[in-house]
């Protein structure tokens, strides 16, 4: 028995050492033959001055030739000193980033600069997760690897009504021997502003090819008519299928928080960046969830949808919607308010009885994925 325990202990130590060695190996690994580091910023490409991008202009701020991987991308706009920019949220939503790989005509990444970098719905907030961070709530930073084989081009488009000054820094490893199955990073942005409840929202339209779905940023704006639990929606994945075949739990469980749905947290692969309730009702909430350690692969195709869904104990549901029955126009529910009233009158309505219903939340999202083509 003692010998068995000692053997298990030794195996455990070896396993732990192997994991730590593997995780730390990249930190001190020496470069392969010919591999080099390249930094691209205004000091090297724009005479040391920021790019000034006027309303309606598109400016190429990065154009790197060769084969490599973008390891870090950092940007900052309109900040001089410590003062916060008074219209940062509008600017973050109206200035867009587009990335092109290997001379492609269409951008692989196209999104508002705020949403892409984790400032969901344009909100500047300090945060940090595995892929994105902002130490002080005023910068844009990502460490998502972005491989390219011939060229990497990054454009900034100013749809804001004022000029912006853009600082940036790109850090690459160049002349790497990229494996054949190294995918190109893509990011798809969508939004839906609606009064109609129950709509199926497209997070990612059908993408064909071989790839990996990396994760989602999702912003939710709840209307004032809907004052109950906002987190009951879920994602539907159609992976190598024309029908949904992978369904998530509700948002709180999908991200790992388990019912504690409005406690703000920033973890490596999931988080609730903000959860704000408005005095007049409704509110704004933003989540992220990455499939970094639990890869979501597809061989042929992938698409993703979401439906805004709320829920509450039946007694709370009746109390909220009977106070102002015009609120019922903002939901789609299998049961009518009269049906639920009758259910309660007949002895139902215990705290364990629950009703879920679709709503008309406004939605904003970025879907990240790797694909076998630029």
Protein backbone atom coordinates (compact mmCIF):
# COMPACT_ATOMS: atom_id res chain seq x y z
CA UNK A 1 0.00 0.00 0.00
CA UNK A 2 2.78 2.42 0.98
CA UNK A 3 4.66 1.58 -2.20
CA UNK A 4 1.51 2.29 -4.27
CA UNK A 5 0.98 5.66 -2.54
CA UNK A 6 4.64 6.61 -3.05
CA UNK A 7 4.43 5.68 -6.74
CA UNK A 8 1.31 7.83 -7.20
CA UNK A 9 2.99 10.73 -5.40
CA UNK A 10 6.06 10.54 -7.65
CA UNK A 11 3.87 10.42 -10.75
CA UNK A 12 1.97 13.48 -9.50
CA UNK A 13 5.20 15.43 -8.98
CA UNK A 14 6.44 14.46 -12.45
CA UNK A 15 3.13 15.50 -13.99
CA UNK A 16 3.14 18.87 -12.20
CA UNK A 17 6.74 19.52 -13.26
CA UNK A 18 5.92 18.60 -16.86
CA UNK A 19 2.92 20.97 -16.95
CA UNK A 20 4.93 23.84 -15.45
CA UNK A 21 7.82 23.12 -17.80
CA UNK A 22 5.49 23.15 -20.83
CA UNK A 23 3.77 26.35 -19.75
CA UNK A 24 7.05 28.15 -19.10
CA UNK A 25 9.02 26.76 -22.03
CA UNK A 26 8.04 29.54 -24.41
CA UNK A 27 9.32 32.22 -22.04
CA UNK A 28 12.95 31.16 -22.38
CA UNK A 29 12.90 29.38 -25.73
CA UNK A 30 15.49 30.69 -28.17
CA UNK A 31 14.39 31.74 -31.67
CA UNK A 32 14.58 29.41 -34.62
CA UNK A 33 17.04 30.14 -37.38
CA UNK A 34 16.12 33.42 -39.08
CA UNK A 35 13.21 34.28 -36.77
CA UNK A 36 13.25 37.93 -35.68
CA UNK A 37 11.14 40.46 -33.81
CA UNK A 38 9.57 43.50 -35.47
CA UNK A 39 7.91 46.47 -33.79
CA UNK A 40 5.71 48.83 -35.79
CA UNK A 41 4.64 52.18 -34.29
CA UNK A 42 4.52 55.88 -35.28
CA UNK A 43 8.19 56.29 -34.36
CA UNK A 44 9.14 53.79 -37.06
CA UNK A 45 6.49 54.46 -39.71
CA UNK A 46 5.08 58.00 -39.26
CA UNK A 47 7.96 60.27 -38.28
CA UNK A 48 7.15 59.87 -34.61
CA UNK A 49 3.74 61.55 -34.78
CA UNK A 50 0.28 60.00 -34.27
CA UNK A 51 -1.94 59.38 -37.27
CA UNK A 52 -4.57 62.13 -37.60
CA UNK A 53 -7.71 60.60 -39.09
CA UNK A 54 -10.43 63.02 -40.11
CA UNK A 55 -14.17 62.27 -40.24
CA UNK A 56 -14.95 59.92 -43.11
CA UNK A 57 -11.31 58.96 -43.68
CA UNK A 58 -9.77 55.50 -43.91
CA UNK A 59 -6.08 55.35 -43.01
CA UNK A 60 -3.74 52.37 -43.21
CA UNK A 61 -1.71 52.51 -40.01
CA UNK A 62 0.04 49.12 -40.37
CA UNK A 63 1.33 47.42 -43.52
CA UNK A 64 3.83 44.66 -42.85
CA UNK A 65 5.26 42.52 -45.64
CA UNK A 66 6.45 38.98 -45.09
CA UNK A 67 5.47 35.97 -43.00
CA UNK A 68 4.87 36.33 -39.29
CA UNK A 69 2.51 36.54 -36.33
CA UNK A 70 1.18 39.69 -34.66
CA UNK A 71 1.72 38.99 -30.97
CA UNK A 72 0.48 42.27 -29.53
CA UNK A 73 -1.65 45.10 -30.87
CA UNK A 74 -2.04 48.28 -28.79
CA UNK A 75 -3.89 51.48 -29.69
CA UNK A 76 -4.88 54.73 -28.03
CA UNK A 77 -6.96 57.66 -29.25
CA UNK A 78 -7.35 61.30 -28.26
CA UNK A 79 -5.84 61.07 -24.78
CA UNK A 80 -3.50 63.87 -23.71
CA UNK A 81 -2.52 63.73 -20.06
CA UNK A 82 -4.82 62.06 -17.55
CA UNK A 83 -8.12 63.66 -18.54
CA UNK A 84 -10.73 61.27 -19.89
CA UNK A 85 -12.16 61.91 -23.32
CA UNK A 86 -15.70 63.29 -22.84
CA UNK A 87 -17.24 61.43 -25.81
CA UNK A 88 -15.21 58.25 -25.59
CA UNK A 89 -18.21 55.95 -25.86
CA UNK A 90 -19.45 57.50 -29.10
CA UNK A 91 -15.94 57.52 -30.54
CA UNK A 92 -15.26 53.90 -29.56
CA UNK A 93 -18.43 52.80 -31.34
CA UNK A 94 -17.98 54.89 -34.48
CA UNK A 95 -14.28 54.37 -35.19
CA UNK A 96 -13.74 50.98 -36.84
CA UNK A 97 -10.78 48.67 -37.23
CA UNK A 98 -10.32 46.44 -40.27
CA UNK A 99 -7.54 43.86 -40.73
CA UNK A 100 -6.56 42.27 -44.03
CA UNK A 101 -4.32 39.22 -44.35
CA UNK A 102 -2.19 38.27 -47.37
CA UNK A 103 -3.61 40.87 -49.76
CA UNK A 104 -7.25 39.79 -49.41
CA UNK A 105 -9.84 42.18 -50.85
CA UNK A 106 -12.21 41.77 -47.91
CA UNK A 107 -11.24 42.36 -44.27
CA UNK A 108 -10.98 39.34 -42.00
CA UNK A 109 -11.66 41.64 -39.04
CA UNK A 110 -14.24 44.43 -39.25
CA UNK A 111 -15.69 45.91 -36.06
CA UNK A 112 -16.02 49.06 -33.97
CA UNK A 113 -12.68 49.54 -32.32
CA UNK A 114 -14.16 49.53 -28.82
CA UNK A 115 -16.13 46.30 -29.17
CA UNK A 116 -13.22 44.52 -30.85
CA UNK A 117 -10.83 45.34 -28.00
CA UNK A 118 -13.29 44.38 -25.25
CA UNK A 119 -14.83 47.80 -24.59
CA UNK A 120 -18.24 46.32 -25.31
CA UNK A 121 -20.88 48.84 -26.42
CA UNK A 122 -18.08 51.42 -26.41
CA UNK A 123 -17.59 51.61 -22.65
CA UNK A 124 -14.07 52.50 -21.47
CA UNK A 125 -13.36 50.41 -18.35
CA UNK A 126 -10.20 48.96 -16.81
CA UNK A 127 -10.16 45.17 -17.19
CA UNK A 128 -7.94 42.23 -18.01
CA UNK A 129 -8.59 38.78 -19.46
CA UNK A 130 -6.43 36.31 -21.35
CA UNK A 131 -6.72 37.99 -24.75
CA UNK A 132 -7.58 41.65 -24.02
CA UNK A 133 -6.76 44.24 -21.40
CA UNK A 134 -6.94 47.91 -20.53
CA UNK A 135 -4.99 48.84 -17.40
CA UNK A 136 -6.55 52.27 -16.87
CA UNK A 137 -9.77 52.39 -18.94
CA UNK A 138 -8.30 54.45 -21.78
CA UNK A 139 -6.36 52.12 -24.09
CA UNK A 140 -6.95 49.23 -26.48
CA UNK A 141 -4.78 46.12 -26.20
CA UNK A 142 -4.88 42.51 -27.39
CA UNK A 143 -2.54 39.53 -27.36
CA UNK A 144 -4.57 37.32 -29.70
CA UNK A 145 -2.08 35.73 -32.14
CA UNK A 146 -2.72 36.91 -35.70
CA UNK A 147 -0.73 34.85 -38.23
CA UNK A 148 -0.09 36.02 -41.79
CA UNK A 149 1.98 34.50 -44.59
CA UNK A 150 2.53 37.41 -47.00
CA UNK A 151 1.15 40.66 -45.58
CA UNK A 152 -0.65 42.17 -42.60
CA UNK A 153 -2.57 45.39 -43.16
CA UNK A 154 -4.59 47.28 -40.53
CA UNK A 155 -6.91 50.16 -41.46
CA UNK A 156 -8.74 52.56 -39.16
CA UNK A 157 -11.98 54.14 -40.43
CA UNK A 158 -13.27 57.27 -38.72
CA UNK A 159 -17.08 57.42 -38.77
CA UNK A 160 -17.02 59.81 -35.80
CA UNK A 161 -17.80 63.50 -36.34
CA UNK A 162 -14.43 64.74 -35.05
CA UNK A 163 -10.82 64.01 -36.04
CA UNK A 164 -9.01 61.39 -33.99
CA UNK A 165 -5.33 61.10 -33.18
CA UNK A 166 -4.24 57.47 -33.25
CA UNK A 167 -1.19 56.02 -31.52
CA UNK A 168 -0.46 52.33 -32.04
CA UNK A 169 2.11 49.65 -31.53
CA UNK A 170 2.30 46.26 -33.22
CA UNK A 171 4.76 43.63 -32.02
CA UNK A 172 5.41 40.72 -34.38
CA UNK A 173 7.61 37.70 -34.72
CA UNK A 174 8.72 37.48 -38.35
CA UNK A 175 10.00 34.78 -40.71
CA UNK A 176 8.42 32.05 -38.62
CA UNK A 177 7.90 28.63 -40.13
CA UNK A 178 4.12 28.68 -39.78
CA UNK A 179 2.47 25.26 -39.77
CA UNK A 180 0.13 24.53 -42.67
CA UNK A 181 -2.87 24.39 -40.34
CA UNK A 182 -2.23 27.83 -38.77
CA UNK A 183 -5.54 29.65 -39.23
CA UNK A 184 -6.20 33.32 -39.94
CA UNK A 185 -7.93 35.35 -37.25
CA UNK A 186 -11.38 36.68 -38.18
CA UNK A 187 -13.81 38.85 -36.22
CA UNK A 188 -17.44 39.52 -37.17
CA UNK A 189 -19.46 42.36 -35.64
CA UNK A 190 -23.24 42.56 -35.54
CA UNK A 191 -25.90 44.55 -33.72
CA UNK A 192 -29.68 44.48 -33.48
CA UNK A 193 -31.81 47.37 -32.22
CA UNK A 194 -35.42 46.26 -32.11
CA UNK A 195 -38.82 46.57 -30.45
CA UNK A 196 -39.96 43.11 -31.57
CA UNK A 197 -39.50 40.40 -28.91
CA UNK A 198 -38.24 36.90 -29.59
CA UNK A 199 -36.06 37.52 -32.64
CA UNK A 200 -33.23 35.12 -33.41
CA UNK A 201 -30.05 37.18 -33.46
CA UNK A 202 -27.08 36.30 -35.66
CA UNK A 203 -23.81 36.25 -33.74
CA UNK A 204 -21.95 34.61 -36.64
CA UNK A 205 -23.49 33.99 -40.08
CA UNK A 206 -22.67 30.74 -41.82
CA UNK A 207 -18.90 30.45 -42.31
CA UNK A 208 -17.65 27.66 -44.55
CA UNK A 209 -14.22 26.09 -44.23
CA UNK A 210 -12.09 24.48 -41.54
CA UNK A 211 -11.61 26.48 -38.41
CA UNK A 212 -12.01 27.13 -34.72
CA UNK A 213 -14.56 29.32 -32.96
CA UNK A 214 -12.59 31.28 -30.37
CA UNK A 215 -15.22 33.24 -28.47
CA UNK A 216 -17.76 36.05 -28.18
CA UNK A 217 -18.20 39.54 -26.80
CA UNK A 218 -21.88 40.28 -26.15
CA UNK A 219 -23.51 43.54 -25.06
CA UNK A 220 -27.15 43.58 -23.93
CA UNK A 221 -29.32 46.68 -23.55
CA UNK A 222 -32.52 45.79 -21.71
CA UNK A 223 -35.58 47.95 -22.33
CA UNK A 224 -37.30 49.71 -19.44
CA UNK A 225 -40.42 47.51 -19.87
CA UNK A 226 -38.44 44.43 -18.83
CA UNK A 227 -37.37 44.58 -15.21
CA UNK A 228 -36.79 40.92 -14.35
CA UNK A 229 -33.81 38.55 -14.68
CA UNK A 230 -32.07 39.32 -17.99
CA UNK A 231 -29.56 36.44 -18.20
CA UNK A 232 -31.68 33.49 -19.40
CA UNK A 233 -30.67 33.70 -23.07
CA UNK A 234 -28.36 31.15 -24.64
CA UNK A 235 -26.21 30.59 -27.71
CA UNK A 236 -27.01 28.03 -30.41
CA UNK A 237 -24.08 26.67 -32.43
CA UNK A 238 -24.50 24.92 -35.77
CA UNK A 239 -21.20 23.09 -36.17
CA UNK A 240 -20.75 21.16 -39.44
CA UNK A 241 -24.55 21.14 -39.64
CA UNK A 242 -27.36 23.24 -41.05
CA UNK A 243 -29.23 22.90 -37.74
CA UNK A 244 -28.21 23.89 -34.20
CA UNK A 245 -26.42 20.92 -32.63
CA UNK A 246 -24.61 22.56 -29.69
CA UNK A 247 -26.67 24.61 -27.21
CA UNK A 248 -25.31 26.53 -24.24
CA UNK A 249 -26.82 26.96 -20.83
CA UNK A 250 -28.09 30.37 -19.75
CA UNK A 251 -25.52 33.17 -19.84
CA UNK A 252 -24.58 32.94 -16.17
CA UNK A 253 -23.91 29.20 -16.35
CA UNK A 254 -22.25 29.38 -19.77
CA UNK A 255 -19.75 31.88 -18.37
CA UNK A 256 -19.39 29.90 -15.14
CA UNK A 257 -20.95 32.19 -12.52
CA UNK A 258 -24.01 30.01 -11.72
CA UNK A 259 -27.00 32.22 -10.82
CA UNK A 260 -24.84 35.08 -9.54
CA UNK A 261 -25.59 36.74 -12.84
CA UNK A 262 -25.02 40.42 -12.04
CA UNK A 263 -21.78 40.21 -10.04
CA UNK A 264 -19.07 41.84 -12.16
CA UNK A 265 -15.92 39.74 -12.65
CA UNK A 266 -12.98 39.53 -15.09
CA UNK A 267 -11.53 36.04 -15.40
CA UNK A 268 -9.14 34.72 -18.03
CA UNK A 269 -11.72 33.13 -20.31
CA UNK A 270 -15.07 34.53 -19.18
CA UNK A 271 -16.41 37.59 -17.46
CA UNK A 272 -19.19 40.09 -16.84
CA UNK A 273 -17.56 43.44 -17.63
CA UNK A 274 -20.42 45.57 -16.35
CA UNK A 275 -23.98 45.17 -15.15
CA UNK A 276 -25.85 48.43 -14.72
CA UNK A 277 -29.54 48.88 -13.90
CA UNK A 278 -31.19 52.15 -14.88
CA UNK A 279 -33.46 54.03 -12.44
CA UNK A 280 -36.26 54.10 -15.04
CA UNK A 281 -35.95 50.34 -15.64
CA UNK A 282 -33.86 48.19 -17.93
CA UNK A 283 -30.09 48.39 -18.04
CA UNK A 284 -26.90 47.40 -19.82
CA UNK A 285 -24.79 44.28 -19.37
CA UNK A 286 -21.73 42.89 -21.16
CA UNK A 287 -20.19 39.42 -21.13
CA UNK A 288 -17.28 37.69 -22.82
CA UNK A 289 -16.57 33.98 -23.14
CA UNK A 290 -13.58 32.37 -24.89
CA UNK A 291 -13.11 28.73 -25.90
CA UNK A 292 -9.36 28.81 -25.33
CA UNK A 293 -8.98 25.75 -23.12
CA UNK A 294 -12.08 23.99 -24.49
CA UNK A 295 -11.57 24.29 -28.28
CA UNK A 296 -14.65 24.53 -30.46
CA UNK A 297 -13.50 23.13 -33.81
CA UNK A 298 -15.36 22.84 -37.10
CA UNK A 299 -14.35 20.93 -40.21
CA UNK A 300 -16.85 22.28 -42.74
CA UNK A 301 -18.94 25.14 -41.37
CA UNK A 302 -20.07 27.08 -38.32
CA UNK A 303 -22.81 29.56 -37.46
CA UNK A 304 -23.97 31.00 -34.12
CA UNK A 305 -27.24 32.58 -32.97
CA UNK A 306 -28.64 33.99 -29.72
CA UNK A 307 -32.14 34.78 -28.40
CA UNK A 308 -32.72 37.30 -25.64
CA UNK A 309 -34.61 35.54 -22.86
CA UNK A 310 -35.59 36.68 -19.37
CA UNK A 311 -37.10 34.75 -16.47
CA UNK A 312 -38.62 35.03 -13.02
CA UNK A 313 -40.74 33.17 -10.47
CA UNK A 314 -44.35 33.30 -11.65
CA UNK A 315 -45.39 35.50 -8.73
CA UNK A 316 -42.77 38.12 -9.63
CA UNK A 317 -43.72 37.85 -13.31
CA UNK A 318 -47.39 38.62 -12.55
CA UNK A 319 -46.47 41.43 -10.16
CA UNK A 320 -44.20 43.14 -12.70
CA UNK A 321 -46.35 42.85 -15.80
CA UNK A 322 -49.78 43.37 -14.20
CA UNK A 323 -48.58 46.68 -12.75
CA UNK A 324 -48.41 47.99 -16.32
CA UNK A 325 -49.82 45.55 -18.87
CA UNK A 326 -48.41 47.60 -21.76
CA UNK A 327 -45.10 45.99 -20.79
CA UNK A 328 -46.43 42.73 -22.24
CA UNK A 329 -45.82 44.13 -25.75
CA UNK A 330 -42.09 43.81 -25.05
CA UNK A 331 -42.16 40.03 -24.47
CA UNK A 332 -43.12 36.80 -26.23
CA UNK A 333 -44.30 34.10 -23.83
CA UNK A 334 -45.96 30.70 -24.24
CA UNK A 335 -48.40 31.54 -21.43
CA UNK A 336 -50.64 34.57 -21.24
CA UNK A 337 -50.82 36.72 -18.12
CA UNK A 338 -54.36 35.38 -17.50
CA UNK A 339 -53.09 31.80 -17.72
CA UNK A 340 -50.43 32.50 -15.12
CA UNK A 341 -52.92 34.30 -12.87
CA UNK A 342 -55.18 31.26 -13.04
CA UNK A 343 -52.25 28.99 -12.27
CA UNK A 344 -51.54 31.00 -9.13
CA UNK A 345 -55.21 31.08 -8.12
CA UNK A 346 -55.40 27.29 -8.37
CA UNK A 347 -52.61 26.88 -5.86
CA UNK A 348 -49.52 27.27 -8.02
CA UNK A 349 -47.11 30.13 -7.84
CA UNK A 350 -44.63 28.60 -5.43
CA UNK A 351 -41.16 30.15 -5.37
CA UNK A 352 -39.89 27.12 -7.28
CA UNK A 353 -42.32 27.75 -10.19
CA UNK A 354 -40.54 29.66 -12.91
CA UNK A 355 -41.47 31.26 -16.20
CA UNK A 356 -39.11 32.14 -19.07
CA UNK A 357 -40.00 34.49 -21.92
CA UNK A 358 -38.34 36.12 -24.92
CA UNK A 359 -37.71 39.86 -24.92
CA UNK A 360 -36.72 42.71 -27.24
CA UNK A 361 -33.26 43.50 -25.90
CA UNK A 362 -30.87 45.42 -28.13
CA UNK A 363 -27.79 43.29 -28.82
CA UNK A 364 -24.19 44.00 -29.83
CA UNK A 365 -21.60 41.29 -30.47
CA UNK A 366 -18.21 40.36 -31.86
CA UNK A 367 -17.52 36.75 -32.86
CA UNK A 368 -13.87 35.65 -33.02
CA UNK A 369 -12.73 32.63 -35.00
CA UNK A 370 -9.79 31.20 -36.91
CA UNK A 371 -10.34 30.06 -40.49
CA UNK A 372 -8.26 28.23 -43.10
CA UNK A 373 -8.29 31.23 -45.44
CA UNK A 374 -7.70 34.98 -45.07
